[in-house]
Structure formats: structure tokens, C-alpha cells
């Protein structure tokens, strides 16, 4: 799905679309609303970058978007919005965050919905198509799902410029049960007479996909990699990530190597057959960590204490200490 998404985004960007992407993370469901705000913040950054580093058409579009926002929102609303969309300060220079109206730290849900909708409508009013992408919706909390798939989409479909807006939501259907809030919301969208929806179901990783991948990577015709592909496919249990890690481990262990005499990649088939694999991708990855340099392992241990994400500011602080993880990954 990521490959399809990247190709779609790259193509539409060349056609003048504003393409912005964000994703939810497992274990950080409590920050789901922050992810939605980050999506809009990235859109504001794209517009701010257009103002100084884009083409003449981009600069003009950025100027029109700036004017549309200034016309549709008063200074107090702009200050509120800049709290959750900080790049708005780079787009609109005259926002004064020191004004009394900006003191309130937490926006109400309805005020947030209103401001984000006004922000998006102001951009669409300038006749430039926009595509917003949210990945891994299965890890979003119910409030964020309702915010995006409910209030924001319903607000856009009432506008005359709704045809300029495309939203793409990606999720893993094997992790969305009938009790998941996303399941009910998708059904509501399907039943809506005002919002056009299209489902794209990506098929599971097939043996033919694996053959194509190995053929492309090793620069060999498919007829020469048939047996290797068969073994890898069986050992990886048709899981793409498992297959990639398995092939990488073969390269690291010289089971797959480049033969100078044959001037092509070769492999020791008996070692491929005898290669032990774990029952899950996670345990397999853990087992391969032992091949890393001790400094790299130490860096991973330190970074794991910071959770799924580590801010650059945290790394900069650690860099000045004796436990700097950067030393292990240089």
C-alpha cells in the first residue's frame, strides 16, 4: 500500500496537486488528534515553502491562500489555529501569538473542527486540488476518526469546490473488526449520497510478487531463480516483510553472494534449505540483532527508551552526554 500511495502522490504532485501525508502509530492512539493536526501543519508548511522556494505559480498560489485564510478567520481564530498548526506562522507573518486570545492552550473539539475546516476551505477556494493522506487508520482512536471521516469530510462535501479534494485513508483490514470505530464510519461513508467513495483492496503478497522482486534485485531472469523463490516463499509464509528480512539475512551470511567468475549473483542452495526461521517476523528480526555491532545495539537500547519516536532535540541532548546513541550508528 505504501508503494501505491507513493506512486499516486508523486504523479499528482507533477500535475499541480498539493499532496500531504501523515500516519498513525501503534501504541500512540492517545496522540491521534495530534496526528490529524500534524497533517494540516504539513499542508501549511508546503504553502509556506511555496512562498519562498517554489515557482511563480506556486508563490502566487501561496499568496492567494494566505489572503483567503486572513479573510475567512479573524486574528483570534488565526492565533488559536496556529497553536495546532504552527507552520501557519511561516505562512502568515503578522500573526501575533502574544495576543490575549492565544492564551487558551486547549481548543474545544468543535472549535478545532471549525478552524481546520476553514483552513481547508480557504485552500480549496484557490482552485488547486488537494490530496490528504492518512495511513494506518486502524491505529487511530475514535475521536480522530470522527474528526476526519465525519466532520471534515462532511464540511467539504457541502462546498462548491469539493471536486478539488481527495482524501485517501489506508488501513489493514485484518486489524479492523466490526467493533472498530473505523468499520462503522466506513459503512456510513458508503451509505452517504453526497460523498463518493472508492474501495481499493490490495491482494496479499503472492509468489509471483516474490519472483519479480528477487529477479529485479539480483538482476537475473526468472528461470534461474525458480527454486530459490520456492524455498523463500515457503519459509516466509507469504509475508513480504518476513521474505525481505530472510533474503537480507542470506546476503549478510553469504548464502547469497556475487560470484566474480560467473559475474552474477549465486547462492548455496543446501544452506538455503537448511536455514532456520522463526515463527514470527518479530522473533526473526530479534534473532538477527545479534549480528549488529555492540555499539549499534547499545544505540538501539537507548533509543528504545524513548518510545516509537525520538525528537531531534532529545538526540541533541544525548549527543552531549556519555550515552549518546549517535555514536553507535555513525
C-alpha atoms as a PDB file:
ATOM      1  CA  UNK A   1       0.000   0.000   0.000  1.00  0.00           C
ATOM      2  CA  UNK A   2       2.895   2.359   0.676  1.00  0.00           C
ATOM      3  CA  UNK A   3       4.278   1.801  -2.824  1.00  0.00           C
ATOM      4  CA  UNK A   4       0.898   2.506  -4.406  1.00  0.00           C
ATOM      5  CA  UNK A   5       0.485   5.578  -2.242  1.00  0.00           C
ATOM      6  CA  UNK A   6       3.922   6.963  -3.108  1.00  0.00           C
ATOM      7  CA  UNK A   7       3.393   6.473  -6.837  1.00  0.00           C
ATOM      8  CA  UNK A   8      -0.018   8.129  -6.690  1.00  0.00           C
ATOM      9  CA  UNK A   9       1.338  11.069  -4.709  1.00  0.00           C
ATOM     10  CA  UNK A  10       4.344  11.548  -6.999  1.00  0.00           C
ATOM     11  CA  UNK A  11       2.157  11.586 -10.099  1.00  0.00           C
ATOM     12  CA  UNK A  12      -0.432  14.013  -8.718  1.00  0.00           C
ATOM     13  CA  UNK A  13       2.321  16.331  -7.462  1.00  0.00           C
ATOM     14  CA  UNK A  14       3.589  16.671 -11.028  1.00  0.00           C
ATOM     15  CA  UNK A  15       0.042  17.631 -12.050  1.00  0.00           C
ATOM     16  CA  UNK A  16      -0.093  20.564  -9.646  1.00  0.00           C
ATOM     17  CA  UNK A  17      -1.783  18.861  -6.698  1.00  0.00           C
ATOM     18  CA  UNK A  18      -0.902  19.669  -3.107  1.00  0.00           C
ATOM     19  CA  UNK A  19      -0.177  16.254  -1.587  1.00  0.00           C
ATOM     20  CA  UNK A  20       0.242  15.841   2.174  1.00  0.00           C
ATOM     21  CA  UNK A  21       0.667  12.610   4.101  1.00  0.00           C
ATOM     22  CA  UNK A  22       0.658  11.558   7.756  1.00  0.00           C
ATOM     23  CA  UNK A  23       0.302   8.250   9.581  1.00  0.00           C
ATOM     24  CA  UNK A  24      -0.899   6.896  12.888  1.00  0.00           C
ATOM     25  CA  UNK A  25       1.338   4.721  15.036  1.00  0.00           C
ATOM     26  CA  UNK A  26       0.678   1.621  17.063  1.00  0.00           C
ATOM     27  CA  UNK A  27       0.698   2.323  20.771  1.00  0.00           C
ATOM     28  CA  UNK A  28       0.207   6.070  20.310  1.00  0.00           C
ATOM     29  CA  UNK A  29      -3.562   6.097  19.905  1.00  0.00           C
ATOM     30  CA  UNK A  30      -3.782   8.814  22.569  1.00  0.00           C
ATOM     31  CA  UNK A  31      -1.985  11.172  20.156  1.00  0.00           C
ATOM     32  CA  UNK A  32      -4.411  10.559  17.279  1.00  0.00           C
ATOM     33  CA  UNK A  33      -5.746  14.115  17.291  1.00  0.00           C
ATOM     34  CA  UNK A  34      -2.158  15.351  17.195  1.00  0.00           C
ATOM     35  CA  UNK A  35      -1.584  13.284  14.052  1.00  0.00           C
ATOM     36  CA  UNK A  36      -4.573  14.935  12.360  1.00  0.00           C
ATOM     37  CA  UNK A  37      -3.267  18.384  13.317  1.00  0.00           C
ATOM     38  CA  UNK A  38       0.179  17.395  12.042  1.00  0.00           C
ATOM     39  CA  UNK A  39      -1.397  16.584   8.675  1.00  0.00           C
ATOM     40  CA  UNK A  40      -2.712  20.133   8.398  1.00  0.00           C
ATOM     41  CA  UNK A  41       0.558  21.515   9.720  1.00  0.00           C
ATOM     42  CA  UNK A  42       2.393  19.791   6.889  1.00  0.00           C
ATOM     43  CA  UNK A  43      -0.042  21.383   4.442  1.00  0.00           C
ATOM     44  CA  UNK A  44       0.773  24.783   5.933  1.00  0.00           C
ATOM     45  CA  UNK A  45       4.485  24.040   5.564  1.00  0.00           C
ATOM     46  CA  UNK A  46       4.022  23.157   1.889  1.00  0.00           C
ATOM     47  CA  UNK A  47       2.323  26.521   1.346  1.00  0.00           C
ATOM     48  CA  UNK A  48       4.995  28.391   3.319  1.00  0.00           C
ATOM     49  CA  UNK A  49       7.743  26.707   1.269  1.00  0.00           C
ATOM     50  CA  UNK A  50       5.940  27.699  -1.936  1.00  0.00           C
ATOM     51  CA  UNK A  51       6.092  31.319  -0.829  1.00  0.00           C
ATOM     52  CA  UNK A  52       9.903  31.414  -0.879  1.00  0.00           C
ATOM     53  CA  UNK A  53      11.155  28.433  -2.831  1.00  0.00           C
ATOM     54  CA  UNK A  54       8.528  27.498  -5.403  1.00  0.00           C
ATOM     55  CA  UNK A  55       7.767  28.555  -8.943  1.00  0.00           C
ATOM     56  CA  UNK A  56       5.983  31.793  -9.774  1.00  0.00           C
ATOM     57  CA  UNK A  57       2.675  29.900  -9.921  1.00  0.00           C
ATOM     58  CA  UNK A  58       3.395  28.320  -6.515  1.00  0.00           C
ATOM     59  CA  UNK A  59       4.265  31.684  -4.992  1.00  0.00           C
ATOM     60  CA  UNK A  60       1.047  33.207  -6.335  1.00  0.00           C
ATOM     61  CA  UNK A  61      -0.986  30.289  -5.004  1.00  0.00           C
ATOM     62  CA  UNK A  62       0.657  30.642  -1.592  1.00  0.00           C
ATOM     63  CA  UNK A  63      -0.183  34.354  -1.583  1.00  0.00           C
ATOM     64  CA  UNK A  64      -3.818  33.695  -2.506  1.00  0.00           C
ATOM     65  CA  UNK A  65      -4.092  31.011   0.169  1.00  0.00           C
ATOM     66  CA  UNK A  66      -2.646  33.420   2.725  1.00  0.00           C
ATOM     67  CA  UNK A  67      -5.169  36.084   1.781  1.00  0.00           C
ATOM     68  CA  UNK A  68      -8.057  33.610   1.829  1.00  0.00           C
ATOM     69  CA  UNK A  69      -7.124  32.498   5.347  1.00  0.00           C
ATOM     70  CA  UNK A  70      -6.758  36.064   6.560  1.00  0.00           C
ATOM     71  CA  UNK A  71     -10.139  36.971   5.072  1.00  0.00           C
ATOM     72  CA  UNK A  72     -12.004  33.960   6.471  1.00  0.00           C
ATOM     73  CA  UNK A  73     -10.567  33.985  10.006  1.00  0.00           C
ATOM     74  CA  UNK A  74     -10.076  36.861  12.410  1.00  0.00           C
ATOM     75  CA  UNK A  75      -6.811  37.355  14.261  1.00  0.00           C
ATOM     76  CA  UNK A  76      -8.036  35.498  17.349  1.00  0.00           C
ATOM     77  CA  UNK A  77      -9.024  32.438  15.285  1.00  0.00           C
ATOM     78  CA  UNK A  78      -5.691  32.510  13.464  1.00  0.00           C
ATOM     79  CA  UNK A  79      -3.913  32.536  16.825  1.00  0.00           C
ATOM     80  CA  UNK A  80      -5.964  29.575  18.007  1.00  0.00           C
ATOM     81  CA  UNK A  81      -5.272  27.693  14.781  1.00  0.00           C
ATOM     82  CA  UNK A  82      -1.534  28.429  14.960  1.00  0.00           C
ATOM     83  CA  UNK A  83      -1.414  26.550  18.265  1.00  0.00           C
ATOM     84  CA  UNK A  84      -2.127  23.264  16.480  1.00  0.00           C
ATOM     85  CA  UNK A  85      -0.797  24.284  13.035  1.00  0.00           C
ATOM     86  CA  UNK A  86       2.442  26.102  13.969  1.00  0.00           C
ATOM     87  CA  UNK A  87       3.686  26.370  10.375  1.00  0.00           C
ATOM     88  CA  UNK A  88       0.841  28.802   9.854  1.00  0.00           C
ATOM     89  CA  UNK A  89       3.181  31.361  11.443  1.00  0.00           C
ATOM     90  CA  UNK A  90       5.557  30.953   8.483  1.00  0.00           C
ATOM     91  CA  UNK A  91       2.722  31.358   6.004  1.00  0.00           C
ATOM     92  CA  UNK A  92       1.054  34.374   7.643  1.00  0.00           C
ATOM     93  CA  UNK A  93       3.714  36.639   9.083  1.00  0.00           C
ATOM     94  CA  UNK A  94       1.512  39.033  11.025  1.00  0.00           C
ATOM     95  CA  UNK A  95       0.013  36.527  13.485  1.00  0.00           C
ATOM     96  CA  UNK A  96       0.812  37.787  16.974  1.00  0.00           C
ATOM     97  CA  UNK A  97       0.868  34.823  19.367  1.00  0.00           C
ATOM     98  CA  UNK A  98       1.272  37.219  22.290  1.00  0.00           C
ATOM     99  CA  UNK A  99      -2.272  38.482  21.978  1.00  0.00           C
ATOM    100  CA  UNK A 100      -4.558  37.651  24.939  1.00  0.00           C
ATOM    101  CA  UNK A 101      -6.777  35.490  22.744  1.00  0.00           C
ATOM    102  CA  UNK A 102      -3.939  32.982  22.207  1.00  0.00           C
ATOM    103  CA  UNK A 103      -3.508  32.176  25.880  1.00  0.00           C
ATOM    104  CA  UNK A 104      -6.063  29.342  25.895  1.00  0.00           C
ATOM    105  CA  UNK A 105      -3.982  26.172  25.477  1.00  0.00           C
ATOM    106  CA  UNK A 106      -6.673  23.606  24.774  1.00  0.00           C
ATOM    107  CA  UNK A 107      -9.146  24.099  21.970  1.00  0.00           C
ATOM    108  CA  UNK A 108     -12.586  22.610  22.240  1.00  0.00           C
ATOM    109  CA  UNK A 109     -13.342  19.823  19.780  1.00  0.00           C
ATOM    110  CA  UNK A 110     -15.923  21.864  17.908  1.00  0.00           C
ATOM    111  CA  UNK A 111     -13.688  24.911  17.634  1.00  0.00           C
ATOM    112  CA  UNK A 112     -10.876  22.716  16.323  1.00  0.00           C
ATOM    113  CA  UNK A 113     -13.204  21.187  13.715  1.00  0.00           C
ATOM    114  CA  UNK A 114     -14.373  24.627  12.627  1.00  0.00           C
ATOM    115  CA  UNK A 115     -10.847  26.032  12.284  1.00  0.00           C
ATOM    116  CA  UNK A 116      -9.458  23.036  10.381  1.00  0.00           C
ATOM    117  CA  UNK A 117     -12.437  23.099   8.008  1.00  0.00           C
ATOM    118  CA  UNK A 118     -11.980  26.830   7.426  1.00  0.00           C
ATOM    119  CA  UNK A 119      -8.286  26.256   6.764  1.00  0.00           C
ATOM    120  CA  UNK A 120      -9.020  23.558   4.190  1.00  0.00           C
ATOM    121  CA  UNK A 121     -11.829  25.509   2.534  1.00  0.00           C
ATOM    122  CA  UNK A 122      -9.575  28.556   2.167  1.00  0.00           C
ATOM    123  CA  UNK A 123      -7.042  26.440   0.293  1.00  0.00           C
ATOM    124  CA  UNK A 124      -9.640  24.816  -1.951  1.00  0.00           C
ATOM    125  CA  UNK A 125     -11.133  28.190  -2.868  1.00  0.00           C
ATOM    126  CA  UNK A 126      -7.963  28.902  -4.839  1.00  0.00           C
ATOM    127  CA  UNK A 127      -8.772  26.232  -7.437  1.00  0.00           C
ATOM    128  CA  UNK A 128      -5.854  23.934  -6.733  1.00  0.00           C
ATOM    129  CA  UNK A 129      -6.608  20.272  -5.979  1.00  0.00           C
ATOM    130  CA  UNK A 130      -5.519  18.861  -2.645  1.00  0.00           C
ATOM    131  CA  UNK A 131      -4.943  15.263  -1.580  1.00  0.00           C
ATOM    132  CA  UNK A 132      -4.728  14.463   2.133  1.00  0.00           C
ATOM    133  CA  UNK A 133      -3.496  11.021   3.124  1.00  0.00           C
ATOM    134  CA  UNK A 134      -3.794   9.284   6.481  1.00  0.00           C
ATOM    135  CA  UNK A 135      -2.092   5.919   6.785  1.00  0.00           C
ATOM    136  CA  UNK A 136      -2.682   3.143   9.342  1.00  0.00           C
ATOM    137  CA  UNK A 137      -6.157   4.303  10.321  1.00  0.00           C
ATOM    138  CA  UNK A 138      -6.591   1.065  12.248  1.00  0.00           C
ATOM    139  CA  UNK A 139      -4.451   2.635  14.999  1.00  0.00           C
ATOM    140  CA  UNK A 140      -6.465   5.869  15.275  1.00  0.00           C
ATOM    141  CA  UNK A 141      -8.775   6.494  18.203  1.00  0.00           C
ATOM    142  CA  UNK A 142     -12.499   7.017  17.668  1.00  0.00           C
ATOM    143  CA  UNK A 143     -12.368  10.793  18.178  1.00  0.00           C
ATOM    144  CA  UNK A 144      -9.790  11.295  15.413  1.00  0.00           C
ATOM    145  CA  UNK A 145     -11.707   9.011  13.048  1.00  0.00           C
ATOM    146  CA  UNK A 146     -14.868  11.029  13.627  1.00  0.00           C
ATOM    147  CA  UNK A 147     -12.929  14.283  13.184  1.00  0.00           C
ATOM    148  CA  UNK A 148     -11.561  13.351   9.757  1.00  0.00           C
ATOM    149  CA  UNK A 149     -14.106  10.939   8.285  1.00  0.00           C
ATOM    150  CA  UNK A 150     -17.007  12.724   9.915  1.00  0.00           C
ATOM    151  CA  UNK A 151     -16.886  16.461  10.457  1.00  0.00           C
ATOM    152  CA  UNK A 152     -14.156  17.439   7.992  1.00  0.00           C
ATOM    153  CA  UNK A 153     -15.382  15.339   5.047  1.00  0.00           C
ATOM    154  CA  UNK A 154     -18.986  16.364   5.663  1.00  0.00           C
ATOM    155  CA  UNK A 155     -17.939  20.014   5.733  1.00  0.00           C
ATOM    156  CA  UNK A 156     -16.013  19.716   2.466  1.00  0.00           C
ATOM    157  CA  UNK A 157     -18.812  17.967   0.578  1.00  0.00           C
ATOM    158  CA  UNK A 158     -21.100  20.940   1.224  1.00  0.00           C
ATOM    159  CA  UNK A 159     -18.717  23.290  -0.576  1.00  0.00           C
ATOM    160  CA  UNK A 160     -18.773  24.129  -4.278  1.00  0.00           C
ATOM    161  CA  UNK A 161     -15.095  23.186  -4.531  1.00  0.00           C
ATOM    162  CA  UNK A 162     -15.491  19.663  -3.144  1.00  0.00           C
ATOM    163  CA  UNK A 163     -14.392  18.221  -6.502  1.00  0.00           C
ATOM    164  CA  UNK A 164     -10.895  19.583  -5.809  1.00  0.00           C
ATOM    165  CA  UNK A 165     -10.457  17.492  -2.673  1.00  0.00           C
ATOM    166  CA  UNK A 166      -9.308  13.876  -2.456  1.00  0.00           C
ATOM    167  CA  UNK A 167      -8.875  12.033   0.815  1.00  0.00           C
ATOM    168  CA  UNK A 168      -7.096   8.696   0.979  1.00  0.00           C
ATOM    169  CA  UNK A 169      -7.299   6.600   4.112  1.00  0.00           C
ATOM    170  CA  UNK A 170      -5.298   3.410   4.412  1.00  0.00           C
ATOM    171  CA  UNK A 171      -5.752   0.628   6.917  1.00  0.00           C
ATOM    172  CA  UNK A 172      -5.153  -3.072   7.411  1.00  0.00           C
ATOM    173  CA  UNK A 173      -8.500  -4.806   7.226  1.00  0.00           C
ATOM    174  CA  UNK A 174      -7.271  -7.769   9.284  1.00  0.00           C
ATOM    175  CA  UNK A 175      -6.915  -5.378  12.239  1.00  0.00           C
ATOM    176  CA  UNK A 176     -10.321  -3.713  11.874  1.00  0.00           C
ATOM    177  CA  UNK A 177     -13.120  -5.784  13.385  1.00  0.00           C
ATOM    178  CA  UNK A 178     -16.825  -4.988  13.221  1.00  0.00           C
ATOM    179  CA  UNK A 179     -16.432  -3.348  16.640  1.00  0.00           C
ATOM    180  CA  UNK A 180     -13.695  -0.971  15.492  1.00  0.00           C
ATOM    181  CA  UNK A 181     -14.922   2.657  15.121  1.00  0.00           C
ATOM    182  CA  UNK A 182     -13.375   2.776  11.653  1.00  0.00           C
ATOM    183  CA  UNK A 183     -15.612  -0.084  10.470  1.00  0.00           C
ATOM    184  CA  UNK A 184     -18.799   1.785  11.348  1.00  0.00           C
ATOM    185  CA  UNK A 185     -17.539   5.062   9.891  1.00  0.00           C
ATOM    186  CA  UNK A 186     -16.627   3.486   6.557  1.00  0.00           C
ATOM    187  CA  UNK A 187     -20.101   1.993   6.320  1.00  0.00           C
ATOM    188  CA  UNK A 188     -21.572   5.441   6.938  1.00  0.00           C
ATOM    189  CA  UNK A 189     -19.486   6.887   4.105  1.00  0.00           C
ATOM    190  CA  UNK A 190     -20.659   4.143   1.753  1.00  0.00           C
ATOM    191  CA  UNK A 191     -24.266   4.963   2.591  1.00  0.00           C
ATOM    192  CA  UNK A 192     -23.789   8.699   2.072  1.00  0.00           C
ATOM    193  CA  UNK A 193     -25.350  10.118  -1.091  1.00  0.00           C
ATOM    194  CA  UNK A 194     -23.072  13.169  -1.062  1.00  0.00           C
ATOM    195  CA  UNK A 195     -19.612  11.644  -0.642  1.00  0.00           C
ATOM    196  CA  UNK A 196     -18.171   9.467  -3.392  1.00  0.00           C
ATOM    197  CA  UNK A 197     -16.114   6.589  -2.021  1.00  0.00           C
ATOM    198  CA  UNK A 198     -13.945   4.013  -3.745  1.00  0.00           C
ATOM    199  CA  UNK A 199     -12.528   0.889  -2.113  1.00  0.00           C
ATOM    200  CA  UNK A 200      -9.199  -0.459  -3.342  1.00  0.00           C
ATOM    201  CA  UNK A 201      -8.348  -3.848  -1.891  1.00  0.00           C
ATOM    202  CA  UNK A 202      -4.722  -4.845  -2.315  1.00  0.00           C
ATOM    203  CA  UNK A 203      -4.147  -8.554  -2.674  1.00  0.00           C
ATOM    204  CA  UNK A 204      -1.843 -10.457  -0.376  1.00  0.00           C
ATOM    205  CA  UNK A 205       1.827 -10.991  -1.169  1.00  0.00           C
ATOM    206  CA  UNK A 206       1.966 -13.663  -3.895  1.00  0.00           C
ATOM    207  CA  UNK A 207       4.676 -15.990  -5.085  1.00  0.00           C
ATOM    208  CA  UNK A 208       4.801 -14.144  -8.391  1.00  0.00           C
ATOM    209  CA  UNK A 209       5.463 -10.902  -6.482  1.00  0.00           C
ATOM    210  CA  UNK A 210       8.393 -12.559  -4.742  1.00  0.00           C
ATOM    211  CA  UNK A 211       9.784 -13.876  -8.036  1.00  0.00           C
ATOM    212  CA  UNK A 212       9.623 -10.403  -9.556  1.00  0.00           C
ATOM    213  CA  UNK A 213      11.286  -8.856  -6.507  1.00  0.00           C
ATOM    214  CA  UNK A 214      14.180 -11.345  -6.434  1.00  0.00           C
ATOM    215  CA  UNK A 215      14.616 -11.123 -10.195  1.00  0.00           C
ATOM    216  CA  UNK A 216      14.813  -7.324 -10.062  1.00  0.00           C
ATOM    217  CA  UNK A 217      17.192  -7.221  -7.111  1.00  0.00           C
ATOM    218  CA  UNK A 218      19.590  -9.916  -8.328  1.00  0.00           C
ATOM    219  CA  UNK A 219      19.344  -8.823 -11.978  1.00  0.00           C
ATOM    220  CA  UNK A 220      18.665 -12.399 -13.068  1.00  0.00           C
ATOM    221  CA  UNK A 221      15.987 -13.905 -15.335  1.00  0.00           C
ATOM    222  CA  UNK A 222      13.092 -15.598 -13.597  1.00  0.00           C
ATOM    223  CA  UNK A 223      14.021 -19.051 -14.943  1.00  0.00           C
ATOM    224  CA  UNK A 224      17.220 -19.025 -12.859  1.00  0.00           C
ATOM    225  CA  UNK A 225      15.645 -18.138  -9.520  1.00  0.00           C
ATOM    226  CA  UNK A 226      12.708 -20.535  -9.515  1.00  0.00           C
ATOM    227  CA  UNK A 227      13.961 -22.907  -6.821  1.00  0.00           C
ATOM    228  CA  UNK A 228      15.311 -20.099  -4.651  1.00  0.00           C
ATOM    229  CA  UNK A 229      11.959 -18.318  -4.842  1.00  0.00           C
ATOM    230  CA  UNK A 230      10.099 -21.510  -3.920  1.00  0.00           C
ATOM    231  CA  UNK A 231      12.141 -22.015  -0.761  1.00  0.00           C
ATOM    232  CA  UNK A 232      11.986 -18.377   0.347  1.00  0.00           C
ATOM    233  CA  UNK A 233       8.239 -18.225  -0.252  1.00  0.00           C
ATOM    234  CA  UNK A 234       7.617 -21.331   1.854  1.00  0.00           C
ATOM    235  CA  UNK A 235       9.924 -20.224   4.658  1.00  0.00           C
ATOM    236  CA  UNK A 236       8.489 -16.709   4.783  1.00  0.00           C
ATOM    237  CA  UNK A 237       4.877 -17.925   4.975  1.00  0.00           C
ATOM    238  CA  UNK A 238       3.909 -15.498   2.148  1.00  0.00           C
ATOM    239  CA  UNK A 239       4.727 -12.477   4.369  1.00  0.00           C
ATOM    240  CA  UNK A 240       6.531  -9.722   2.442  1.00  0.00           C
ATOM    241  CA  UNK A 241       8.423  -8.268   5.393  1.00  0.00           C
ATOM    242  CA  UNK A 242       9.477 -11.745   6.510  1.00  0.00           C
ATOM    243  CA  UNK A 243      10.704 -12.518   2.985  1.00  0.00           C
ATOM    244  CA  UNK A 244      12.753  -9.314   2.773  1.00  0.00           C
ATOM    245  CA  UNK A 245      14.380  -9.936   6.157  1.00  0.00           C
ATOM    246  CA  UNK A 246      15.074 -13.545   5.216  1.00  0.00           C
ATOM    247  CA  UNK A 247      16.786 -12.514   1.972  1.00  0.00           C
ATOM    248  CA  UNK A 248      18.785  -9.858   3.809  1.00  0.00           C
ATOM    249  CA  UNK A 249      19.983 -12.442   6.312  1.00  0.00           C
ATOM    250  CA  UNK A 250      21.093 -14.657   3.413  1.00  0.00           C
ATOM    251  CA  UNK A 251      23.140 -11.815   1.967  1.00  0.00           C
ATOM    252  CA  UNK A 252      24.700 -10.996   5.345  1.00  0.00           C
ATOM    253  CA  UNK A 253      25.570 -14.652   5.883  1.00  0.00           C
ATOM    254  CA  UNK A 254      26.965 -15.028   2.335  1.00  0.00           C
ATOM    255  CA  UNK A 255      24.356 -17.632   1.488  1.00  0.00           C
ATOM    256  CA  UNK A 256      23.621 -15.339  -1.440  1.00  0.00           C
ATOM    257  CA  UNK A 257      26.795 -13.790  -2.845  1.00  0.00           C
ATOM    258  CA  UNK A 258      28.201 -12.250  -6.012  1.00  0.00           C
ATOM    259  CA  UNK A 259      30.347 -14.673  -7.994  1.00  0.00           C
ATOM    260  CA  UNK A 260      33.218 -12.899  -9.747  1.00  0.00           C
ATOM    261  CA  UNK A 261      33.854 -15.882 -12.005  1.00  0.00           C
ATOM    262  CA  UNK A 262      30.226 -16.072 -13.159  1.00  0.00           C
ATOM    263  CA  UNK A 263      29.735 -12.308 -12.925  1.00  0.00           C
ATOM    264  CA  UNK A 264      26.338 -12.725 -11.345  1.00  0.00           C
ATOM    265  CA  UNK A 265      24.721 -13.474  -8.015  1.00  0.00           C
ATOM    266  CA  UNK A 266      24.840 -17.067  -6.860  1.00  0.00           C
ATOM    267  CA  UNK A 267      23.581 -18.943  -3.798  1.00  0.00           C
ATOM    268  CA  UNK A 268      24.279 -22.095  -1.863  1.00  0.00           C
ATOM    269  CA  UNK A 269      21.002 -23.945  -2.217  1.00  0.00           C
ATOM    270  CA  UNK A 270      21.762 -26.504   0.500  1.00  0.00           C
ATOM    271  CA  UNK A 271      22.243 -23.677   3.001  1.00  0.00           C
ATOM    272  CA  UNK A 272      19.015 -22.051   1.825  1.00  0.00           C
ATOM    273  CA  UNK A 273      17.102 -25.271   2.531  1.00  0.00           C
ATOM    274  CA  UNK A 274      18.724 -25.717   5.948  1.00  0.00           C
ATOM    275  CA  UNK A 275      18.255 -22.099   7.032  1.00  0.00           C
ATOM    276  CA  UNK A 276      16.215 -21.940  10.222  1.00  0.00           C
ATOM    277  CA  UNK A 277      13.422 -19.404  10.517  1.00  0.00           C
ATOM    278  CA  UNK A 278      11.289 -18.240  13.418  1.00  0.00           C
ATOM    279  CA  UNK A 279       7.534 -18.412  13.660  1.00  0.00           C
ATOM    280  CA  UNK A 280       7.001 -14.656  13.502  1.00  0.00           C
ATOM    281  CA  UNK A 281       8.638 -11.678  11.840  1.00  0.00           C
ATOM    282  CA  UNK A 282       9.333 -10.086  15.224  1.00  0.00           C
ATOM    283  CA  UNK A 283      11.262 -13.047  16.605  1.00  0.00           C
ATOM    284  CA  UNK A 284      13.181 -13.352  13.349  1.00  0.00           C
ATOM    285  CA  UNK A 285      14.228  -9.688  13.490  1.00  0.00           C
ATOM    286  CA  UNK A 286      15.238 -10.062  17.137  1.00  0.00           C
ATOM    287  CA  UNK A 287      17.374 -13.070  16.254  1.00  0.00           C
ATOM    288  CA  UNK A 288      19.209 -11.067  13.594  1.00  0.00           C
ATOM    289  CA  UNK A 289      20.056  -8.240  16.008  1.00  0.00           C
ATOM    290  CA  UNK A 290      22.900 -10.346  17.367  1.00  0.00           C
ATOM    291  CA  UNK A 291      24.763  -9.707  14.114  1.00  0.00           C
ATOM    292  CA  UNK A 292      24.919  -5.959  14.787  1.00  0.00           C
ATOM    293  CA  UNK A 293      27.946  -4.187  16.236  1.00  0.00           C
ATOM    294  CA  UNK A 294      27.770  -3.813  20.058  1.00  0.00           C
ATOM    295  CA  UNK A 295      27.733  -0.004  19.710  1.00  0.00           C
ATOM    296  CA  UNK A 296      24.755  -0.215  17.357  1.00  0.00           C
ATOM    297  CA  UNK A 297      22.915  -2.486  19.802  1.00  0.00           C
ATOM    298  CA  UNK A 298      23.643  -0.043  22.612  1.00  0.00           C
ATOM    299  CA  UNK A 299      22.240   2.797  20.472  1.00  0.00           C
ATOM    300  CA  UNK A 300      19.044   0.841  19.826  1.00  0.00           C
ATOM    301  CA  UNK A 301      18.647   0.100  23.541  1.00  0.00           C
ATOM    302  CA  UNK A 302      18.955   3.791  24.416  1.00  0.00           C
ATOM    303  CA  UNK A 303      16.579   4.902  21.666  1.00  0.00           C
ATOM    304  CA  UNK A 304      14.016   2.247  22.636  1.00  0.00           C
ATOM    305  CA  UNK A 305      13.631   4.003  25.994  1.00  0.00           C
ATOM    306  CA  UNK A 306      12.186   6.980  24.118  1.00  0.00           C
ATOM    307  CA  UNK A 307       9.301   5.009  22.613  1.00  0.00           C
ATOM    308  CA  UNK A 308       8.275   4.787  18.959  1.00  0.00           C
ATOM    309  CA  UNK A 309       9.613   8.253  18.095  1.00  0.00           C
ATOM    310  CA  UNK A 310      12.564  10.319  19.244  1.00  0.00           C
ATOM    311  CA  UNK A 311      12.664  14.081  18.728  1.00  0.00           C
ATOM    312  CA  UNK A 312      15.795  15.628  17.282  1.00  0.00           C
ATOM    313  CA  UNK A 313      16.035  17.793  20.396  1.00  0.00           C
ATOM    314  CA  UNK A 314      16.333  14.658  22.549  1.00  0.00           C
ATOM    315  CA  UNK A 315      19.104  13.286  20.325  1.00  0.00           C
ATOM    316  CA  UNK A 316      20.928  16.603  20.552  1.00  0.00           C
ATOM    317  CA  UNK A 317      20.824  16.431  24.349  1.00  0.00           C
ATOM    318  CA  UNK A 318      22.044  12.830  24.346  1.00  0.00           C
ATOM    319  CA  UNK A 319      24.805  13.772  21.924  1.00  0.00           C
ATOM    320  CA  UNK A 320      26.328  15.933  24.640  1.00  0.00           C
ATOM    321  CA  UNK A 321      26.267  13.087  27.184  1.00  0.00           C
ATOM    322  CA  UNK A 322      28.245   9.885  27.658  1.00  0.00           C
ATOM    323  CA  UNK A 323      25.319   7.743  26.473  1.00  0.00           C
ATOM    324  CA  UNK A 324      24.951   9.321  23.058  1.00  0.00           C
ATOM    325  CA  UNK A 325      23.191   6.773  20.782  1.00  0.00           C
ATOM    326  CA  UNK A 326      24.568   8.556  17.731  1.00  0.00           C
ATOM    327  CA  UNK A 327      27.977   7.075  18.387  1.00  0.00           C
ATOM    328  CA  UNK A 328      26.632   3.641  17.664  1.00  0.00           C
ATOM    329  CA  UNK A 329      25.008   4.497  14.341  1.00  0.00           C
ATOM    330  CA  UNK A 330      27.694   6.543  12.672  1.00  0.00           C
END
